[in-house]
Amino acid sequence: MKIIKDPVHGDIEVGKAALTLLDSPALQRLRHIRQLGFAHLVYPGANHTRFEHCLGTMHLASVLSRHLGLNNGERDLVTVSALLHDIGHGPFSHVSEAFMLERTGRGHQNVAALLEEGRTAALLAECGLDPGEVASVINGSHRYAGIIHGDLDVDRMDYLLRDAHYTGVPYGIVDAARLVRSTVGTETGIALDQGGINAAESLLIARTLMRPVVYYHHVSRIATSMFHLALIAHAAESGEEAPDLMRLDDAALFTRLLSSPDDTAQMLAKRLYRRHLYKRAVYVGRGQVNAPAVQRGAGLEESRRIAAAIAAEAGVGEEYVLVDIPPFPAEMSMEVRVRDRNALVGLEQVSPLLSTLNETRREQWRLGVYTTPDRREAVERAAYEVLHIKKPTQQNRLPI
């Protein structure tokens, strides 16, 4: 066993199985991938990594496994799965997720192939663990997947606490200890005892408050959109395959973009490096746009098509217009069940907060069109025309 000092959880115990995987190349790569992508451009302290988060998630999974009374083999399965759950991330974490999904057809939770190759597969075998079973815990199809993959899981507990700690934003405070104590095992997985409802509601509130302030902060979204175009332009000009690019870490990929054979990729990478960011020309909520129509443009390729139309209307180069159409937030339906007397019911049936929080998340959604400061007015007029955006009301004009 090894003890690692963590700024969020204190002493973290690393058991024999997890210790076997700790220095694996797949896991050590995460030391060089930022947890929050470009959030450090907003919050200078947000330089923590996926490696730290995986250690914290493993710690909470270990505590929860002991609380649930899992046997040694089950605990090893859960803790190792928690430790490895983010090895599928591309550079800059969720920033590259859209590119990875469109170009490779897989998201960061599709880790089966990574677990079955090379050193990782050999180390899992040394631990007596099946790569396929570990993958099923990570992708959500295993009985114990709810421990690290659900609406109320140790993954979310750790990243909310950790992201709040490193950004200095006070909204991510979660009573992880209470949530762990309130978790019970069922025939199909895990559930929440009724005594943990308030702690669960607190976690959902934290998720809701952190979205606009950290995860969807407009500066982070602008930097992400600039990175997307740089990556698309670089891949097209250099001929490098998407799977190869997604296996790089942050520094390696950013170096490629800074020296890219494509002028647009180079220009955008240099602006990101110097924090010479594009600005908001349009930033509107769902009430000002045809929501179903714009959602069809949520993919990177379609967003670029819309950006090209706006650029043509504004009379500017395509590289100076970015269109950011985030997916609408999923309903927090809480698949985890609540033990109410002798029955299992959905949390939404006993918590009036859920519907309010889901509506709040929908109202937080924003469509953004970004450009350089000197092209702002022309791009704004063109975007209103191309996207048929309704003129803002007094309520829309209120600061967000």
Protein backbone atom coordinates (compact mmCIF):
# COMPACT_ATOMS: atom_id res chain seq x y z
CA MET A 1 0.00 0.00 0.00
CA LYS A 2 1.10 3.56 -0.74
CA ILE A 3 -0.09 6.86 0.77
CA ILE A 4 -0.39 9.91 -1.51
CA LYS A 5 -1.09 13.37 -0.10
CA ASP A 6 -3.97 15.06 -1.93
CA PRO A 7 -5.06 18.70 -1.47
CA VAL A 8 -8.74 17.79 -1.62
CA HIS A 9 -9.06 14.49 0.26
CA GLY A 10 -5.92 14.47 2.40
CA ASP A 11 -4.21 11.08 2.62
CA ILE A 12 -5.18 8.74 -0.22
CA GLU A 13 -4.46 5.04 0.22
CA VAL A 14 -3.44 3.24 -2.97
CA GLY A 15 -4.00 -0.50 -2.67
CA LYS A 16 -1.93 -3.23 -4.30
CA ALA A 17 -4.02 -3.53 -7.50
CA ALA A 18 -4.23 0.22 -8.09
CA LEU A 19 -0.54 0.60 -7.27
CA THR A 20 0.26 -1.91 -10.01
CA LEU A 21 -1.42 0.39 -12.57
CA LEU A 22 -0.23 3.70 -11.11
CA ASP A 23 2.89 4.08 -13.27
CA SER A 24 1.36 2.67 -16.45
CA PRO A 25 1.91 4.86 -19.56
CA ALA A 26 -1.85 5.27 -20.11
CA LEU A 27 -2.32 6.69 -16.62
CA GLN A 28 0.88 8.76 -16.46
CA ARG A 29 -0.15 10.50 -19.70
CA LEU A 30 -2.98 12.06 -17.69
CA ARG A 31 -0.43 14.06 -15.68
CA HIS A 32 -0.06 16.17 -18.82
CA ILE A 33 -3.75 16.73 -19.58
CA ARG A 34 -5.53 19.59 -17.87
CA GLN A 35 -8.75 18.70 -16.12
CA LEU A 36 -10.57 21.84 -17.24
CA GLY A 37 -9.18 22.49 -20.70
CA PHE A 38 -8.77 26.25 -21.14
CA ALA A 39 -10.37 27.30 -17.84
CA HIS A 40 -6.92 28.47 -16.68
CA LEU A 41 -7.41 31.43 -19.02
CA VAL A 42 -10.22 32.49 -16.66
CA TYR A 43 -9.03 31.02 -13.35
CA PRO A 44 -5.21 31.02 -13.19
CA GLY A 45 -5.20 28.28 -10.56
CA ALA A 46 -7.09 25.80 -12.74
CA ASN A 47 -4.01 23.87 -13.80
CA HIS A 48 -4.92 20.59 -12.13
CA THR A 49 -4.80 17.44 -14.20
CA ARG A 50 -6.82 14.36 -15.05
CA PHE A 51 -4.26 12.31 -13.09
CA GLU A 52 -5.14 14.08 -9.84
CA HIS A 53 -8.84 13.68 -10.53
CA CYS A 54 -8.41 9.94 -11.22
CA LEU A 55 -6.61 9.51 -7.90
CA GLY A 56 -9.44 11.32 -6.09
CA THR A 57 -12.10 9.29 -7.87
CA MET A 58 -10.26 6.07 -7.00
CA HIS A 59 -10.10 7.17 -3.34
CA LEU A 60 -13.83 7.82 -3.11
CA ALA A 61 -14.59 4.58 -4.99
CA SER A 62 -12.46 2.68 -2.49
CA VAL A 63 -14.24 4.25 0.48
CA LEU A 64 -17.64 3.54 -1.06
CA SER A 65 -16.69 -0.05 -1.92
CA ARG A 66 -15.77 -0.71 1.71
CA HIS A 67 -19.00 0.93 2.87
CA LEU A 68 -21.01 -1.34 0.56
CA GLY A 69 -19.21 -4.41 1.88
CA LEU A 70 -17.78 -5.51 -1.48
CA ASN A 71 -15.33 -8.40 -1.39
CA ASN A 72 -11.64 -7.96 -2.24
CA GLY A 73 -12.06 -8.85 -5.91
CA GLU A 74 -15.00 -6.49 -6.35
CA ARG A 75 -13.14 -3.68 -4.58
CA ASP A 76 -10.14 -4.15 -6.85
CA LEU A 77 -12.41 -4.04 -9.90
CA VAL A 78 -14.13 -0.84 -8.79
CA THR A 79 -11.02 1.03 -7.60
CA VAL A 80 -8.95 0.15 -10.67
CA SER A 81 -11.86 1.13 -12.93
CA ALA A 82 -12.10 4.46 -11.12
CA LEU A 83 -8.35 4.99 -11.47
CA LEU A 84 -8.46 4.29 -15.22
CA HIS A 85 -11.84 5.82 -16.03
CA ASP A 86 -10.40 8.89 -17.84
CA ILE A 87 -7.58 7.33 -19.89
CA GLY A 88 -9.75 7.77 -23.01
CA HIS A 89 -9.61 11.57 -22.86
CA GLY A 90 -7.95 13.46 -25.67
CA PRO A 91 -5.74 16.54 -25.15
CA PHE A 92 -7.29 19.28 -23.02
CA SER A 93 -9.95 16.81 -21.79
CA HIS A 94 -13.49 17.72 -22.85
CA VAL A 95 -12.21 20.44 -25.18
CA SER A 96 -11.21 17.83 -27.77
CA GLU A 97 -14.22 15.55 -27.16
CA ALA A 98 -16.35 16.91 -30.03
CA PHE A 99 -13.48 16.51 -32.51
CA MET A 100 -12.77 13.00 -31.25
CA LEU A 101 -16.43 11.95 -31.51
CA GLU A 102 -16.82 13.27 -35.07
CA ARG A 103 -13.49 12.01 -36.41
CA THR A 104 -13.00 8.70 -34.55
CA GLY A 105 -16.55 7.71 -33.57
CA ARG A 106 -15.65 7.23 -29.92
CA GLY A 107 -15.94 9.27 -26.75
CA HIS A 108 -13.65 9.25 -23.73
CA GLN A 109 -15.66 6.48 -22.01
CA ASN A 110 -15.03 4.04 -24.86
CA VAL A 111 -11.82 2.62 -23.39
CA ALA A 112 -12.11 -1.09 -24.24
CA ALA A 113 -9.45 -0.94 -26.96
CA LEU A 114 -7.07 1.03 -24.72
CA LEU A 115 -7.42 -1.51 -21.91
CA GLU A 116 -6.74 -4.46 -24.17
CA GLU A 117 -3.46 -3.23 -25.61
CA GLY A 118 0.16 -3.31 -24.53
CA ARG A 119 1.28 -2.52 -21.02
CA THR A 120 -2.19 -1.79 -19.63
CA ALA A 121 -3.53 -5.22 -20.60
CA ALA A 122 -0.50 -6.94 -19.07
CA LEU A 123 -0.86 -5.03 -15.79
CA LEU A 124 -4.58 -5.78 -15.56
CA ALA A 125 -3.80 -9.46 -16.06
CA GLU A 126 -1.22 -9.20 -13.27
CA CYS A 127 -4.00 -7.89 -11.02
CA GLY A 128 -6.33 -10.71 -12.06
CA LEU A 129 -8.74 -8.28 -13.71
CA ASP A 130 -10.52 -8.70 -17.04
CA PRO A 131 -10.13 -5.66 -19.36
CA GLY A 132 -13.65 -6.18 -20.70
CA GLU A 133 -15.16 -6.07 -17.21
CA VAL A 134 -13.18 -2.96 -16.32
CA ALA A 135 -14.41 -1.34 -19.54
CA SER A 136 -18.01 -2.22 -18.67
CA VAL A 137 -17.70 -0.48 -15.28
CA ILE A 138 -16.29 2.63 -17.02
CA ASN A 139 -18.83 2.74 -19.86
CA GLY A 140 -21.82 2.26 -17.58
CA SER A 141 -22.98 -1.27 -18.39
CA HIS A 142 -21.77 -3.13 -15.27
CA ARG A 143 -23.77 -3.70 -12.09
CA TYR A 144 -21.30 -1.52 -10.16
CA ALA A 145 -21.01 1.12 -12.87
CA GLY A 146 -23.23 3.48 -10.87
CA ILE A 147 -20.38 3.97 -8.42
CA ILE A 148 -18.36 5.92 -11.00
CA HIS A 149 -20.84 6.43 -13.84
CA GLY A 150 -24.22 7.96 -12.97
CA ASP A 151 -26.02 11.10 -11.91
CA LEU A 152 -24.73 10.67 -8.37
CA ASP A 153 -21.27 9.10 -8.52
CA VAL A 154 -17.79 9.43 -7.05
CA ASP A 155 -16.52 10.88 -10.35
CA ARG A 156 -18.82 13.90 -9.98
CA MET A 157 -18.15 14.20 -6.26
CA ASP A 158 -14.43 14.50 -6.88
CA TYR A 159 -14.46 16.82 -9.88
CA LEU A 160 -16.87 19.27 -8.25
CA LEU A 161 -14.76 19.45 -5.09
CA ARG A 162 -11.48 19.55 -7.02
CA ASP A 163 -12.59 22.11 -9.60
CA ALA A 164 -13.97 24.37 -6.88
CA HIS A 165 -10.69 24.08 -4.97
CA TYR A 166 -8.45 25.00 -7.90
CA THR A 167 -10.64 27.70 -9.44
CA GLY A 168 -11.50 29.29 -6.11
CA VAL A 169 -15.20 29.17 -7.03
CA PRO A 170 -17.19 28.30 -3.88
CA TYR A 171 -20.18 26.64 -5.57
CA GLY A 172 -18.78 23.12 -5.97
CA ILE A 173 -18.91 22.13 -2.31
CA VAL A 174 -20.28 18.60 -1.94
CA ASP A 175 -20.79 16.51 1.21
CA ALA A 176 -19.07 13.46 -0.24
CA ALA A 177 -18.79 11.71 3.13
CA ARG A 178 -22.55 11.95 3.71
CA LEU A 179 -23.31 10.75 0.19
CA VAL A 180 -21.04 7.73 0.64
CA ARG A 181 -22.65 6.87 3.99
CA SER A 182 -26.12 7.19 2.45
CA THR A 183 -25.41 4.86 -0.49
CA VAL A 184 -26.86 1.36 -0.29
CA GLY A 185 -26.55 -1.71 -2.47
CA THR A 186 -29.50 -3.17 -4.37
CA GLU A 187 -30.02 -6.19 -6.58
CA THR A 188 -29.36 -4.12 -9.70
CA GLY A 189 -26.66 -1.77 -8.45
CA ILE A 190 -26.60 1.06 -5.94
CA ALA A 191 -29.23 3.37 -4.49
CA LEU A 192 -29.48 6.28 -2.11
CA ASP A 193 -30.94 5.95 1.37
CA GLN A 194 -33.58 8.57 2.17
CA GLY A 195 -31.28 10.18 4.73
CA GLY A 196 -29.00 11.30 1.91
CA ILE A 197 -31.57 13.27 -0.09
CA ASN A 198 -30.34 16.68 1.11
CA ALA A 199 -26.73 15.80 0.29
CA ALA A 200 -27.83 14.59 -3.16
CA GLU A 201 -29.75 17.82 -3.77
CA SER A 202 -26.66 19.78 -2.73
CA LEU A 203 -24.60 17.96 -5.35
CA LEU A 204 -27.17 18.72 -8.06
CA ILE A 205 -27.23 22.38 -7.04
CA ALA A 206 -23.42 22.46 -7.21
CA ARG A 207 -23.48 20.98 -10.73
CA THR A 208 -26.04 23.58 -11.81
CA LEU A 209 -24.15 26.55 -10.35
CA MET A 210 -20.76 25.44 -11.67
CA ARG A 211 -21.97 25.14 -15.28
CA PRO A 212 -22.10 28.84 -16.26
CA VAL A 213 -19.35 29.95 -13.87
CA VAL A 214 -16.73 27.31 -14.72
CA TYR A 215 -17.67 24.60 -17.22
CA TYR A 216 -19.45 26.88 -19.72
CA HIS A 217 -17.82 30.21 -18.91
CA HIS A 218 -17.88 32.28 -22.09
CA VAL A 219 -14.10 32.78 -22.15
CA SER A 220 -13.55 29.03 -21.94
CA ARG A 221 -16.09 28.53 -24.73
CA ILE A 222 -14.31 31.10 -26.93
CA ALA A 223 -10.94 29.43 -26.36
CA THR A 224 -12.49 26.02 -27.03
CA SER A 225 -13.99 27.24 -30.31
CA MET A 226 -10.65 28.71 -31.39
CA PHE A 227 -8.95 25.42 -30.57
CA HIS A 228 -11.56 23.45 -32.54
CA LEU A 229 -10.94 25.47 -35.72
CA ALA A 230 -7.16 25.24 -35.25
CA LEU A 231 -7.41 21.47 -34.87
CA ILE A 232 -9.70 21.06 -37.88
CA ALA A 233 -7.45 23.25 -40.05
CA HIS A 234 -4.28 21.48 -38.91
CA ALA A 235 -5.68 18.00 -39.51
CA ALA A 236 -6.83 18.96 -43.02
CA GLU A 237 -3.48 20.47 -44.03
CA SER A 238 -1.07 18.14 -42.27
CA GLY A 239 -2.86 14.89 -43.09
CA GLU A 240 -2.37 13.65 -39.53
CA GLU A 241 -5.03 11.14 -38.51
CA ALA A 242 -7.47 12.05 -35.73
CA PRO A 243 -6.77 8.94 -33.60
CA ASP A 244 -3.06 9.80 -33.55
CA LEU A 245 -3.74 13.42 -32.58
CA MET A 246 -6.08 12.33 -29.78
CA ARG A 247 -3.40 10.12 -28.23
CA LEU A 248 -1.13 13.14 -27.66
CA ASP A 249 -1.06 15.17 -24.46
CA ASP A 250 -1.74 18.90 -24.16
CA ALA A 251 1.80 20.13 -24.77
CA ALA A 252 2.49 17.80 -27.68
CA LEU A 253 -0.67 18.77 -29.56
CA PHE A 254 -0.29 22.47 -28.84
CA THR A 255 3.28 22.34 -30.18
CA ARG A 256 1.95 20.76 -33.39
CA LEU A 257 -0.58 23.58 -33.77
CA LEU A 258 1.99 26.32 -33.13
CA SER A 259 4.16 24.93 -35.93
CA SER A 260 1.30 23.74 -38.14
CA PRO A 261 1.65 23.90 -41.93
CA ASP A 262 -1.76 25.59 -41.93
CA ASP A 263 -1.74 29.37 -41.44
CA THR A 264 -5.13 29.45 -39.71
CA ALA A 265 -4.13 26.77 -37.21
CA GLN A 266 -0.89 28.63 -36.46
CA MET A 267 -2.63 31.98 -36.09
CA LEU A 268 -5.25 30.63 -33.67
CA ALA A 269 -2.73 28.66 -31.62
CA LYS A 270 -0.54 31.76 -31.22
CA ARG A 271 -3.55 33.82 -30.14
CA LEU A 272 -4.45 31.16 -27.56
CA TYR A 273 -0.87 31.05 -26.30
CA ARG A 274 -0.82 34.85 -25.85
CA ARG A 275 -4.45 35.00 -24.64
CA HIS A 276 -5.43 37.24 -27.55
CA LEU A 277 -8.90 35.77 -27.68
CA TYR A 278 -11.84 36.40 -29.95
CA LYS A 279 -14.77 38.28 -28.41
CA ARG A 280 -18.50 37.70 -28.25
CA ALA A 281 -20.37 39.13 -31.22
CA VAL A 282 -23.56 37.26 -30.30
CA TYR A 283 -24.37 35.44 -27.06
CA VAL A 284 -28.06 34.50 -26.82
CA GLY A 285 -30.29 32.08 -24.96
CA ARG A 286 -32.84 29.61 -26.26
CA GLY A 287 -35.62 32.23 -26.24
CA GLN A 288 -33.98 34.20 -29.05
CA VAL A 289 -33.31 31.36 -31.48
CA ASN A 290 -35.15 28.50 -33.11
CA ALA A 291 -33.83 25.94 -30.67
CA PRO A 292 -34.55 22.73 -32.65
CA ALA A 293 -33.06 24.27 -35.80
CA VAL A 294 -29.83 25.48 -34.21
CA GLN A 295 -29.31 22.17 -32.46
CA ARG A 296 -28.87 20.58 -35.87
CA GLY A 297 -25.75 22.71 -36.15
CA ALA A 298 -24.27 21.48 -32.88
CA GLY A 299 -21.63 19.35 -34.66
CA LEU A 300 -18.28 20.86 -35.59
CA GLU A 301 -18.75 20.49 -39.36
CA GLU A 302 -22.21 22.06 -39.36
CA SER A 303 -21.02 24.85 -37.07
CA ARG A 304 -18.29 25.64 -39.58
CA ARG A 305 -20.86 25.73 -42.39
CA ILE A 306 -22.91 28.27 -40.43
CA ALA A 307 -19.75 30.24 -39.63
CA ALA A 308 -18.89 30.38 -43.33
CA ALA A 309 -22.36 31.75 -44.14
CA ILE A 310 -22.02 34.43 -41.46
CA ALA A 311 -18.51 35.33 -42.67
CA ALA A 312 -19.76 35.71 -46.25
CA GLU A 313 -22.65 37.90 -45.09
CA ALA A 314 -20.28 40.04 -42.99
CA GLY A 315 -17.60 40.23 -45.70
CA VAL A 316 -14.83 38.80 -43.49
CA GLY A 317 -12.57 35.75 -43.74
CA GLU A 318 -14.04 32.45 -42.54
CA GLU A 319 -11.22 32.04 -40.03
CA TYR A 320 -12.50 35.11 -38.18
CA VAL A 321 -15.94 33.70 -37.37
CA LEU A 322 -16.60 30.95 -34.83
CA VAL A 323 -20.02 29.52 -34.09
CA ASP A 324 -20.49 27.75 -30.77
CA ILE A 325 -23.69 25.71 -30.38
CA PRO A 326 -23.43 23.60 -27.22
CA PRO A 327 -25.79 20.64 -26.85
CA PHE A 328 -28.79 21.32 -24.65
CA PRO A 329 -28.14 20.04 -21.11
CA ALA A 330 -29.50 16.58 -20.40
CA GLU A 331 -32.20 16.19 -17.79
CA MET A 332 -30.88 15.30 -14.36
CA SER A 333 -33.30 12.41 -14.00
CA MET A 334 -31.31 10.69 -11.27
CA GLU A 335 -31.19 7.09 -12.37
CA VAL A 336 -29.93 6.36 -8.87
CA ARG A 337 -32.92 5.33 -6.83
CA VAL A 338 -33.95 6.44 -3.35
CA ARG A 339 -34.94 3.98 -0.65
CA ASP A 340 -38.24 5.34 0.66
CA ARG A 341 -39.45 3.11 3.46
CA ASN A 342 -39.48 -0.31 1.79
CA ALA A 343 -39.78 0.91 -1.80
CA LEU A 344 -37.36 2.23 -4.39
CA VAL A 345 -38.54 5.41 -6.12
CA GLY A 346 -36.91 7.97 -8.36
CA LEU A 347 -35.36 10.93 -6.58
CA GLU A 348 -37.44 13.24 -8.76
CA GLN A 349 -40.56 11.90 -7.00
CA VAL A 350 -39.41 13.08 -3.58
CA SER A 351 -37.34 16.15 -4.45
CA PRO A 352 -39.16 19.23 -5.79
CA LEU A 353 -35.78 20.78 -6.58
CA LEU A 354 -35.09 18.58 -9.60
CA SER A 355 -37.58 20.20 -11.96
CA THR A 356 -36.38 23.68 -10.94
CA LEU A 357 -32.74 22.76 -11.46
CA ASN A 358 -33.43 21.19 -14.86
CA GLU A 359 -35.24 24.33 -15.97
CA THR A 360 -32.37 26.47 -14.67
CA ARG A 361 -29.89 24.42 -16.70
CA ARG A 362 -31.99 24.92 -19.84
CA GLU A 363 -32.05 28.68 -19.23
CA GLN A 364 -28.25 28.69 -18.82
CA TRP A 365 -27.74 27.48 -22.40
CA ARG A 366 -26.15 30.03 -24.74
CA LEU A 367 -25.39 30.14 -28.46
CA GLY A 368 -22.22 32.08 -29.16
CA VAL A 369 -20.75 33.70 -32.27
CA TYR A 370 -17.20 34.95 -31.76
CA THR A 371 -14.81 37.10 -33.76
CA THR A 372 -11.96 39.58 -33.41
CA PRO A 373 -12.78 42.92 -31.75
CA ASP A 374 -12.44 44.92 -35.00
CA ARG A 375 -14.96 42.71 -36.84
CA ARG A 376 -17.50 42.51 -34.04
CA GLU A 377 -20.24 44.79 -35.37
CA ALA A 378 -20.24 43.35 -38.90
CA VAL A 379 -20.32 39.77 -37.62
CA GLU A 380 -23.09 40.55 -35.14
CA ARG A 381 -25.34 41.99 -37.88
CA ALA A 382 -24.60 39.04 -40.16
CA ALA A 383 -25.24 36.47 -37.42
CA TYR A 384 -28.63 37.97 -36.59
CA GLU A 385 -29.53 37.74 -40.27
CA VAL A 386 -28.23 34.22 -40.96
CA LEU A 387 -29.49 32.64 -37.73
CA HIS A 388 -32.77 34.61 -37.63
CA ILE A 389 -32.09 35.70 -34.06
CA LYS A 390 -34.85 37.59 -32.32
CA LYS A 391 -34.00 41.04 -31.06
CA PRO A 392 -33.24 41.01 -27.32
CA THR A 393 -35.88 42.05 -24.83
CA GLN A 394 -35.03 43.98 -21.67
CA GLN A 395 -34.78 40.66 -19.82
CA ASN A 396 -32.31 39.33 -22.38
CA ARG A 397 -30.17 42.43 -21.86
CA LEU A 398 -29.71 41.77 -18.15
CA PRO A 399 -26.14 40.67 -17.30
CA ILE A 400 -25.57 36.95 -16.90
